[in-house]
């Protein structure tokens, strides 16, 4: 069978809650059959295997050494801020509700 029957297409259209005209019924009868054939091909694929594939490439994780870095003190940072109150920084409003 190379296409679905008119009744099958109308049933699918009813399930999808769409209206189809005669031209669309002819078009979808072939397209839906092709789709169902593709699904059958997927079902035929043997997916049972013994080994588990975690990743297709072998990468080892590269970690960097822990090192001390300089930290900017808030007083240094505060010199470049437009407005700060205590340790709080005032920023422009982004969202206006």
PDB file of N, CA and C in Angstrom:
ATOM      1  N   UNK A   1       0.858  -1.174   0.000  1.00  0.00           N
ATOM      2  CA  UNK A   1       0.000   0.000   0.000  1.00  0.00           C
ATOM      3  C   UNK A   1       0.904   1.237   0.000  1.00  0.00           C
ATOM      4  N   UNK A   2       0.699   2.141  -0.950  1.00  0.00           N
ATOM      5  CA  UNK A   2       1.561   3.314  -1.062  1.00  0.00           C
ATOM      6  C   UNK A   2       0.928   4.580  -0.501  1.00  0.00           C
ATOM      7  N   UNK A   3      -0.314   4.484   0.003  1.00  0.00           N
ATOM      8  CA  UNK A   3      -0.926   5.646   0.642  1.00  0.00           C
ATOM      9  C   UNK A   3      -2.021   5.190   1.591  1.00  0.00           C
ATOM     10  N   UNK A   4      -2.430   6.080   2.479  1.00  0.00           N
ATOM     11  CA  UNK A   4      -3.488   5.784   3.427  1.00  0.00           C
ATOM     12  C   UNK A   4      -4.847   6.003   2.765  1.00  0.00           C
ATOM     13  N   UNK A   5      -5.856   5.386   3.322  1.00  0.00           N
ATOM     14  CA  UNK A   5      -7.202   5.586   2.787  1.00  0.00           C
ATOM     15  C   UNK A   5      -7.729   6.952   3.228  1.00  0.00           C
ATOM     16  N   UNK A   6      -8.775   7.385   2.568  1.00  0.00           N
ATOM     17  CA  UNK A   6      -9.394   8.669   2.887  1.00  0.00           C
ATOM     18  C   UNK A   6      -9.891   8.670   4.326  1.00  0.00           C
ATOM     19  N   UNK A   7     -10.451   7.541   4.765  1.00  0.00           N
ATOM     20  CA  UNK A   7     -10.978   7.439   6.119  1.00  0.00           C
ATOM     21  C   UNK A   7      -9.861   7.557   7.160  1.00  0.00           C
ATOM     22  N   UNK A   8      -8.705   6.961   6.868  1.00  0.00           N
ATOM     23  CA  UNK A   8      -7.580   7.055   7.799  1.00  0.00           C
ATOM     24  C   UNK A   8      -7.068   8.483   7.905  1.00  0.00           C
ATOM     25  N   UNK A   9      -6.983   9.168   6.777  1.00  0.00           N
ATOM     26  CA  UNK A   9      -6.535  10.564   6.792  1.00  0.00           C
ATOM     27  C   UNK A   9      -7.530  11.428   7.555  1.00  0.00           C
ATOM     28  N   UNK A  10      -8.816  11.209   7.326  1.00  0.00           N
ATOM     29  CA  UNK A  10      -9.834  11.981   8.047  1.00  0.00           C
ATOM     30  C   UNK A  10      -9.781  11.694   9.544  1.00  0.00           C
ATOM     31  N   UNK A  11      -9.481  10.453   9.914  1.00  0.00           N
ATOM     32  CA  UNK A  11      -9.363  10.099  11.324  1.00  0.00           C
ATOM     33  C   UNK A  11      -8.183  10.842  11.970  1.00  0.00           C
ATOM     34  N   UNK A  12      -7.063  10.862  11.277  1.00  0.00           N
ATOM     35  CA  UNK A  12      -5.892  11.579  11.792  1.00  0.00           C
ATOM     36  C   UNK A  12      -6.194  13.073  11.881  1.00  0.00           C
ATOM     37  N   UNK A  13      -6.866  13.624  10.891  1.00  0.00           N
ATOM     38  CA  UNK A  13      -7.235  15.037  10.906  1.00  0.00           C
ATOM     39  C   UNK A  13      -8.163  15.345  12.079  1.00  0.00           C
ATOM     40  N   UNK A  14      -9.077  14.415  12.356  1.00  0.00           N
ATOM     41  CA  UNK A  14      -9.986  14.605  13.492  1.00  0.00           C
ATOM     42  C   UNK A  14      -9.208  14.573  14.809  1.00  0.00           C
ATOM     43  N   UNK A  15      -8.244  13.666  14.928  1.00  0.00           N
ATOM     44  CA  UNK A  15      -7.419  13.602  16.134  1.00  0.00           C
ATOM     45  C   UNK A  15      -6.606  14.880  16.315  1.00  0.00           C
ATOM     46  N   UNK A  16      -6.141  15.440  15.200  1.00  0.00           N
ATOM     47  CA  UNK A  16      -5.350  16.674  15.239  1.00  0.00           C
ATOM     48  C   UNK A  16      -6.241  17.908  15.308  1.00  0.00           C
ATOM     49  N   UNK A  17      -7.534  17.688  15.204  1.00  0.00           N
ATOM     50  CA  UNK A  17      -8.523  18.766  15.238  1.00  0.00           C
ATOM     51  C   UNK A  17      -8.267  19.817  14.154  1.00  0.00           C
ATOM     52  N   UNK A  18      -8.053  19.314  12.936  1.00  0.00           N
ATOM     53  CA  UNK A  18      -7.881  20.203  11.793  1.00  0.00           C
ATOM     54  C   UNK A  18      -8.879  19.813  10.715  1.00  0.00           C
ATOM     55  N   UNK A  19      -9.220  20.769   9.890  1.00  0.00           N
ATOM     56  CA  UNK A  19     -10.109  20.504   8.767  1.00  0.00           C
ATOM     57  C   UNK A  19      -9.270  20.383   7.510  1.00  0.00           C
ATOM     58  N   UNK A  20      -9.570  19.393   6.696  1.00  0.00           N
ATOM     59  CA  UNK A  20      -8.835  19.186   5.452  1.00  0.00           C
ATOM     60  C   UNK A  20      -9.825  19.108   4.303  1.00  0.00           C
ATOM     61  N   UNK A  21      -9.416  19.652   3.150  1.00  0.00           N
ATOM     62  CA  UNK A  21     -10.255  19.532   1.962  1.00  0.00           C
ATOM     63  C   UNK A  21      -9.791  18.332   1.134  1.00  0.00           C
ATOM     64  N   UNK A  22     -10.459  18.084   0.031  1.00  0.00           N
ATOM     65  CA  UNK A  22     -10.163  16.906  -0.785  1.00  0.00           C
ATOM     66  C   UNK A  22      -8.726  16.900  -1.308  1.00  0.00           C
ATOM     67  N   UNK A  23      -8.234  18.074  -1.696  1.00  0.00           N
ATOM     68  CA  UNK A  23      -6.860  18.159  -2.203  1.00  0.00           C
ATOM     69  C   UNK A  23      -5.850  17.800  -1.106  1.00  0.00           C
ATOM     70  N   UNK A  24      -6.113  18.288   0.103  1.00  0.00           N
ATOM     71  CA  UNK A  24      -5.214  17.985   1.222  1.00  0.00           C
ATOM     72  C   UNK A  24      -5.300  16.516   1.612  1.00  0.00           C
ATOM     73  N   UNK A  25      -6.464  15.915   1.485  1.00  0.00           N
ATOM     74  CA  UNK A  25      -6.615  14.492   1.801  1.00  0.00           C
ATOM     75  C   UNK A  25      -5.726  13.664   0.890  1.00  0.00           C
ATOM     76  N   UNK A  26      -5.708  13.986  -0.389  1.00  0.00           N
ATOM     77  CA  UNK A  26      -4.859  13.262  -1.335  1.00  0.00           C
ATOM     78  C   UNK A  26      -3.382  13.450  -0.987  1.00  0.00           C
ATOM     79  N   UNK A  27      -3.018  14.685  -0.671  1.00  0.00           N
ATOM     80  CA  UNK A  27      -1.625  14.998  -0.349  1.00  0.00           C
ATOM     81  C   UNK A  27      -1.196  14.281   0.937  1.00  0.00           C
ATOM     82  N   UNK A  28      -2.038  14.367   1.971  1.00  0.00           N
ATOM     83  CA  UNK A  28      -1.681  13.774   3.258  1.00  0.00           C
ATOM     84  C   UNK A  28      -1.731  12.255   3.237  1.00  0.00           C
ATOM     85  N   UNK A  29      -2.524  11.670   2.366  1.00  0.00           N
ATOM     86  CA  UNK A  29      -2.581  10.210   2.322  1.00  0.00           C
ATOM     87  C   UNK A  29      -1.216   9.630   1.952  1.00  0.00           C
ATOM     88  N   UNK A  30      -0.497  10.300   1.052  1.00  0.00           N
ATOM     89  CA  UNK A  30       0.841   9.845   0.657  1.00  0.00           C
ATOM     90  C   UNK A  30       1.870  10.232   1.719  1.00  0.00           C
ATOM     91  N   UNK A  31       1.816  11.488   2.207  1.00  0.00           N
ATOM     92  CA  UNK A  31       2.811  11.970   3.165  1.00  0.00           C
ATOM     93  C   UNK A  31       2.731  11.220   4.493  1.00  0.00           C
ATOM     94  N   UNK A  32       1.512  10.953   4.964  1.00  0.00           N
ATOM     95  CA  UNK A  32       1.368  10.215   6.221  1.00  0.00           C
ATOM     96  C   UNK A  32       1.854   8.779   6.077  1.00  0.00           C
ATOM     97  N   UNK A  33       1.604   8.180   4.924  1.00  0.00           N
ATOM     98  CA  UNK A  33       2.094   6.817   4.694  1.00  0.00           C
ATOM     99  C   UNK A  33       3.617   6.800   4.707  1.00  0.00           C
ATOM    100  N   UNK A  34       4.254   7.785   4.064  1.00  0.00           N
ATOM    101  CA  UNK A  34       5.717   7.876   4.091  1.00  0.00           C
ATOM    102  C   UNK A  34       6.233   8.037   5.515  1.00  0.00           C
ATOM    103  N   UNK A  35       5.546   8.843   6.299  1.00  0.00           N
ATOM    104  CA  UNK A  35       5.933   9.048   7.692  1.00  0.00           C
ATOM    105  C   UNK A  35       5.822   7.752   8.488  1.00  0.00           C
ATOM    106  N   UNK A  36       4.731   7.035   8.306  1.00  0.00           N
ATOM    107  CA  UNK A  36       4.557   5.762   9.010  1.00  0.00           C
ATOM    108  C   UNK A  36       5.591   4.732   8.572  1.00  0.00           C
ATOM    109  N   UNK A  37       5.964   4.746   7.300  1.00  0.00           N
ATOM    110  CA  UNK A  37       7.019   3.847   6.819  1.00  0.00           C
ATOM    111  C   UNK A  37       8.358   4.167   7.478  1.00  0.00           C
ATOM    112  N   UNK A  38       8.652   5.453   7.629  1.00  0.00           N
ATOM    113  CA  UNK A  38       9.895   5.858   8.289  1.00  0.00           C
ATOM    114  C   UNK A  38       9.900   5.424   9.755  1.00  0.00           C
ATOM    115  N   UNK A  39       8.761   5.528  10.416  1.00  0.00           N
ATOM    116  CA  UNK A  39       8.659   5.089  11.808  1.00  0.00           C
ATOM    117  C   UNK A  39       8.885   3.588  11.903  1.00  0.00           C
ATOM    118  N   UNK A  40       8.345   2.830  10.955  1.00  0.00           N
ATOM    119  CA  UNK A  40       8.565   1.381  10.943  1.00  0.00           C
ATOM    120  C   UNK A  40      10.043   1.049  10.771  1.00  0.00           C
ATOM    121  N   UNK A  41      10.756   1.820   9.959  1.00  0.00           N
ATOM    122  CA  UNK A  41      12.199   1.596   9.793  1.00  0.00           C
ATOM    123  C   UNK A  41      12.937   1.814  11.106  1.00  0.00           C
ATOM    124  N   UNK A  42      12.540   2.836  11.846  1.00  0.00           N
ATOM    125  CA  UNK A  42      13.170   3.119  13.132  1.00  0.00           C
ATOM    126  C   UNK A  42      12.899   1.982  14.106  1.00  0.00           C
ATOM    127  N   UNK A  43      11.686   1.448  14.080  1.00  0.00           N
ATOM    128  CA  UNK A  43      11.348   0.334  14.981  1.00  0.00           C
ATOM    129  C   UNK A  43      12.166  -0.915  14.672  1.00  0.00           C
ATOM    130  N   UNK A  44      12.585  -1.071  13.426  1.00  0.00           N
ATOM    131  CA  UNK A  44      13.339  -2.258  13.037  1.00  0.00           C
ATOM    132  C   UNK A  44      14.806  -2.202  13.440  1.00  0.00           C
ATOM    133  N   UNK A  45      15.293  -1.054  13.868  1.00  0.00           N
ATOM    134  CA  UNK A  45      16.699  -0.915  14.237  1.00  0.00           C
ATOM    135  C   UNK A  45      16.954  -1.662  15.540  1.00  0.00           C
ATOM    136  N   UNK A  46      18.022  -2.478  15.541  1.00  0.00           N
ATOM    137  CA  UNK A  46      18.397  -3.222  16.734  1.00  0.00           C
ATOM    138  C   UNK A  46      19.211  -2.305  17.636  1.00  0.00           C
ATOM    139  N   UNK A  47      18.648  -1.940  18.775  1.00  0.00           N
ATOM    140  CA  UNK A  47      19.323  -1.019  19.670  1.00  0.00           C
ATOM    141  C   UNK A  47      19.939  -1.716  20.878  1.00  0.00           C
ATOM    142  N   UNK A  48      19.780  -3.014  20.973  1.00  0.00           N
ATOM    143  CA  UNK A  48      20.358  -3.753  22.099  1.00  0.00           C
ATOM    144  C   UNK A  48      21.840  -3.958  21.841  1.00  0.00           C
ATOM    145  N   UNK A  49      22.666  -3.524  22.792  1.00  0.00           N
ATOM    146  CA  UNK A  49      24.101  -3.725  22.673  1.00  0.00           C
ATOM    147  C   UNK A  49      24.681  -3.962  24.062  1.00  0.00           C
ATOM    148  N   UNK A  50      25.815  -4.610  24.082  1.00  0.00           N
ATOM    149  CA  UNK A  50      26.437  -4.943  25.352  1.00  0.00           C
ATOM    150  C   UNK A  50      27.228  -3.782  25.943  1.00  0.00           C
ATOM    151  N   UNK A  51      27.894  -3.015  25.103  1.00  0.00           N
ATOM    152  CA  UNK A  51      28.738  -1.949  25.618  1.00  0.00           C
ATOM    153  C   UNK A  51      27.979  -0.621  25.635  1.00  0.00           C
ATOM    154  N   UNK A  52      28.339   0.180  26.579  1.00  0.00           N
ATOM    155  CA  UNK A  52      27.707   1.486  26.716  1.00  0.00           C
ATOM    156  C   UNK A  52      28.637   2.526  26.102  1.00  0.00           C
ATOM    157  N   UNK A  53      28.104   3.327  25.232  1.00  0.00           N
ATOM    158  CA  UNK A  53      28.879   4.383  24.592  1.00  0.00           C
ATOM    159  C   UNK A  53      28.658   5.674  25.382  1.00  0.00           C
ATOM    160  N   UNK A  54      29.675   6.115  26.066  1.00  0.00           N
ATOM    161  CA  UNK A  54      29.554   7.326  26.863  1.00  0.00           C
ATOM    162  C   UNK A  54      29.801   8.542  25.999  1.00  0.00           C
ATOM    163  N   UNK A  55      30.857   8.499  25.217  1.00  0.00           N
ATOM    164  CA  UNK A  55      31.177   9.598  24.325  1.00  0.00           C
ATOM    165  C   UNK A  55      31.933   9.037  23.118  1.00  0.00           C
ATOM    166  N   UNK A  56      31.743   9.597  21.958  1.00  0.00           N
ATOM    167  CA  UNK A  56      32.418   9.054  20.779  1.00  0.00           C
ATOM    168  C   UNK A  56      33.901   9.390  20.708  1.00  0.00           C
ATOM    169  N   UNK A  57      34.382  10.302  21.545  1.00  0.00           N
ATOM    170  CA  UNK A  57      35.796  10.659  21.545  1.00  0.00           C
ATOM    171  C   UNK A  57      36.365  10.482  22.942  1.00  0.00           C
ATOM    172  N   UNK A  58      37.646  10.252  23.008  1.00  0.00           N
ATOM    173  CA  UNK A  58      38.291  10.038  24.294  1.00  0.00           C
ATOM    174  C   UNK A  58      39.036  11.296  24.703  1.00  0.00           C
ATOM    175  N   UNK A  59      38.457  12.038  25.642  1.00  0.00           N
ATOM    176  CA  UNK A  59      39.089  13.242  26.161  1.00  0.00           C
ATOM    177  C   UNK A  59      39.356  13.047  27.643  1.00  0.00           C
ATOM    178  N   UNK A  60      40.513  13.452  28.057  1.00  0.00           N
ATOM    179  CA  UNK A  60      40.780  13.456  29.487  1.00  0.00           C
ATOM    180  C   UNK A  60      40.572  14.877  29.993  1.00  0.00           C
ATOM    181  N   UNK A  61      40.041  14.977  31.190  1.00  0.00           N
ATOM    182  CA  UNK A  61      39.768  16.292  31.758  1.00  0.00           C
ATOM    183  C   UNK A  61      41.078  16.977  32.116  1.00  0.00           C
ATOM    184  N   UNK A  62      41.201  18.217  31.724  1.00  0.00           N
ATOM    185  CA  UNK A  62      42.404  18.987  32.034  1.00  0.00           C
ATOM    186  C   UNK A  62      42.068  19.963  33.143  1.00  0.00           C
ATOM    187  N   UNK A  63      42.716  19.787  34.283  1.00  0.00           N
ATOM    188  CA  UNK A  63      42.495  20.671  35.417  1.00  0.00           C
ATOM    189  C   UNK A  63      43.687  21.598  35.574  1.00  0.00           C
ATOM    190  N   UNK A  64      43.440  22.812  35.989  1.00  0.00           N
ATOM    191  CA  UNK A  64      44.533  23.741  36.236  1.00  0.00           C
ATOM    192  C   UNK A  64      44.882  23.685  37.716  1.00  0.00           C
ATOM    193  N   UNK A  65      46.053  24.092  38.013  1.00  0.00           N
ATOM    194  CA  UNK A  65      46.502  24.126  39.398  1.00  0.00           C
ATOM    195  C   UNK A  65      45.773  25.240  40.141  1.00  0.00           C
ATOM    196  N   UNK A  66      45.514  25.021  41.415  1.00  0.00           N
ATOM    197  CA  UNK A  66      44.947  26.070  42.248  1.00  0.00           C
ATOM    198  C   UNK A  66      46.039  27.073  42.568  1.00  0.00           C
ATOM    199  N   UNK A  67      45.793  28.318  42.252  1.00  0.00           N
ATOM    200  CA  UNK A  67      46.766  29.366  42.547  1.00  0.00           C
ATOM    201  C   UNK A  67      46.060  30.540  43.185  1.00  0.00           C
ATOM    202  N   UNK A  68      46.782  31.264  43.992  1.00  0.00           N
ATOM    203  CA  UNK A  68      46.236  32.479  44.590  1.00  0.00           C
ATOM    204  C   UNK A  68      46.277  33.589  43.554  1.00  0.00           C
ATOM    205  N   UNK A  69      45.218  34.342  43.476  1.00  0.00           N
ATOM    206  CA  UNK A  69      45.177  35.476  42.562  1.00  0.00           C
ATOM    207  C   UNK A  69      44.853  36.720  43.366  1.00  0.00           C
ATOM    208  N   UNK A  70      45.111  37.847  42.793  1.00  0.00           N
ATOM    209  CA  UNK A  70      44.822  39.085  43.508  1.00  0.00           C
ATOM    210  C   UNK A  70      43.322  39.350  43.483  1.00  0.00           C
ATOM    211  N   UNK A  71      42.846  39.893  44.587  1.00  0.00           N
ATOM    212  CA  UNK A  71      41.431  40.205  44.731  1.00  0.00           C
ATOM    213  C   UNK A  71      41.299  41.715  44.853  1.00  0.00           C
ATOM    214  N   UNK A  72      40.363  42.284  44.139  1.00  0.00           N
ATOM    215  CA  UNK A  72      40.126  43.726  44.222  1.00  0.00           C
ATOM    216  C   UNK A  72      39.305  43.992  45.478  1.00  0.00           C
ATOM    217  N   UNK A  73      39.805  44.840  46.313  1.00  0.00           N
ATOM    218  CA  UNK A  73      39.078  45.227  47.525  1.00  0.00           C
ATOM    219  C   UNK A  73      37.924  46.140  47.151  1.00  0.00           C
ATOM    220  N   UNK A  74      36.862  46.120  47.969  1.00  0.00           N
ATOM    221  CA  UNK A  74      35.676  46.911  47.661  1.00  0.00           C
ATOM    222  C   UNK A  74      35.985  48.411  47.646  1.00  0.00           C
ATOM    223  N   UNK A  75      36.897  48.865  48.513  1.00  0.00           N
ATOM    224  CA  UNK A  75      37.232  50.283  48.541  1.00  0.00           C
ATOM    225  C   UNK A  75      37.842  50.711  47.206  1.00  0.00           C
ATOM    226  N   UNK A  76      38.670  49.852  46.613  1.00  0.00           N
ATOM    227  CA  UNK A  76      39.240  50.148  45.294  1.00  0.00           C
ATOM    228  C   UNK A  76      38.151  50.225  44.244  1.00  0.00           C
ATOM    229  N   UNK A  77      37.232  49.289  44.309  1.00  0.00           N
ATOM    230  CA  UNK A  77      36.132  49.223  43.355  1.00  0.00           C
ATOM    231  C   UNK A  77      35.197  50.410  43.520  1.00  0.00           C
ATOM    232  N   UNK A  78      34.974  50.805  44.755  1.00  0.00           N
ATOM    233  CA  UNK A  78      34.027  51.875  45.066  1.00  0.00           C
ATOM    234  C   UNK A  78      34.454  53.211  44.459  1.00  0.00           C
ATOM    235  N   UNK A  79      35.730  53.389  44.243  1.00  0.00           N
ATOM    236  CA  UNK A  79      36.216  54.632  43.652  1.00  0.00           C
ATOM    237  C   UNK A  79      35.692  54.843  42.229  1.00  0.00           C
ATOM    238  N   UNK A  80      35.373  53.751  41.513  1.00  0.00           N
ATOM    239  CA  UNK A  80      34.898  53.837  40.132  1.00  0.00           C
ATOM    240  C   UNK A  80      33.384  53.700  40.001  1.00  0.00           C
ATOM    241  N   UNK A  81      32.681  53.590  41.120  1.00  0.00           N
ATOM    242  CA  UNK A  81      31.226  53.407  41.064  1.00  0.00           C
ATOM    243  C   UNK A  81      30.518  54.751  41.065  1.00  0.00           C
ATOM    244  N   UNK A  82      29.411  54.877  40.308  1.00  0.00           N
ATOM    245  CA  UNK A  82      28.670  56.141  40.331  1.00  0.00           C
ATOM    246  C   UNK A  82      27.991  56.369  41.675  1.00  0.00           C
ATOM    247  N   UNK A  83      27.453  55.292  42.309  1.00  0.00           N
ATOM    248  CA  UNK A  83      26.784  55.472  43.591  1.00  0.00           C
ATOM    249  C   UNK A  83      26.851  54.169  44.375  1.00  0.00           C
ATOM    250  N   UNK A  84      27.266  54.270  45.627  1.00  0.00           N
ATOM    251  CA  UNK A  84      27.322  53.114  46.511  1.00  0.00           C
ATOM    252  C   UNK A  84      26.954  53.573  47.904  1.00  0.00           C
ATOM    253  N   UNK A  85      26.179  52.727  48.594  1.00  0.00           N
ATOM    254  CA  UNK A  85      25.797  53.003  49.971  1.00  0.00           C
ATOM    255  C   UNK A  85      26.275  51.824  50.792  1.00  0.00           C
ATOM    256  N   UNK A  86      27.247  52.064  51.661  1.00  0.00           N
ATOM    257  CA  UNK A  86      27.842  50.968  52.418  1.00  0.00           C
ATOM    258  C   UNK A  86      28.509  50.013  51.440  1.00  0.00           C
ATOM    259  N   UNK A  87      28.133  48.736  51.521  1.00  0.00           N
ATOM    260  CA  UNK A  87      28.683  47.757  50.586  1.00  0.00           C
ATOM    261  C   UNK A  87      27.682  47.431  49.473  1.00  0.00           C
ATOM    262  N   UNK A  88      26.656  48.261  49.323  1.00  0.00           N
ATOM    263  CA  UNK A  88      25.665  48.068  48.277  1.00  0.00           C
ATOM    264  C   UNK A  88      25.954  49.013  47.119  1.00  0.00           C
ATOM    265  N   UNK A  89      25.747  48.516  45.901  1.00  0.00           N
ATOM    266  CA  UNK A  89      25.999  49.303  44.700  1.00  0.00           C
ATOM    267  C   UNK A  89      24.669  49.598  44.032  1.00  0.00           C
ATOM    268  N   UNK A  90      24.424  50.850  43.695  1.00  0.00           N
ATOM    269  CA  UNK A  90      23.196  51.210  42.988  1.00  0.00           C
ATOM    270  C   UNK A  90      23.447  51.083  41.487  1.00  0.00           C
ATOM    271  N   UNK A  91      22.549  50.356  40.833  1.00  0.00           N
ATOM    272  CA  UNK A  91      22.665  50.150  39.387  1.00  0.00           C
ATOM    273  C   UNK A  91      21.416  50.688  38.708  1.00  0.00           C
ATOM    274  N   UNK A  92      21.485  50.974  37.407  1.00  0.00           N
ATOM    275  CA  UNK A  92      20.300  51.476  36.696  1.00  0.00           C
ATOM    276  C   UNK A  92      19.195  50.413  36.643  1.00  0.00           C
ATOM    277  N   UNK A  93      17.956  50.858  36.595  1.00  0.00           N
ATOM    278  CA  UNK A  93      16.807  49.971  36.504  1.00  0.00           C
ATOM    279  C   UNK A  93      16.802  49.328  35.129  1.00  0.00           C
ATOM    280  N   UNK A  94      16.618  48.010  35.112  1.00  0.00           N
ATOM    281  CA  UNK A  94      16.575  47.282  33.846  1.00  0.00           C
ATOM    282  C   UNK A  94      15.133  46.957  33.466  1.00  0.00           C
ATOM    283  N   UNK A  95      14.356  46.507  34.453  1.00  0.00           N
ATOM    284  CA  UNK A  95      12.953  46.152  34.214  1.00  0.00           C
ATOM    285  C   UNK A  95      12.073  47.190  34.873  1.00  0.00           C
ATOM    286  N   UNK A  96      11.069  47.631  34.160  1.00  0.00           N
ATOM    287  CA  UNK A  96      10.123  48.597  34.698  1.00  0.00           C
ATOM    288  C   UNK A  96       8.739  47.992  34.596  1.00  0.00           C
ATOM    289  N   UNK A  97       8.133  47.685  35.737  1.00  0.00           N
ATOM    290  CA  UNK A  97       6.812  47.035  35.699  1.00  0.00           C
ATOM    291  C   UNK A  97       5.713  48.025  35.910  1.00  0.00           C
TER     292      UNK A  97
END
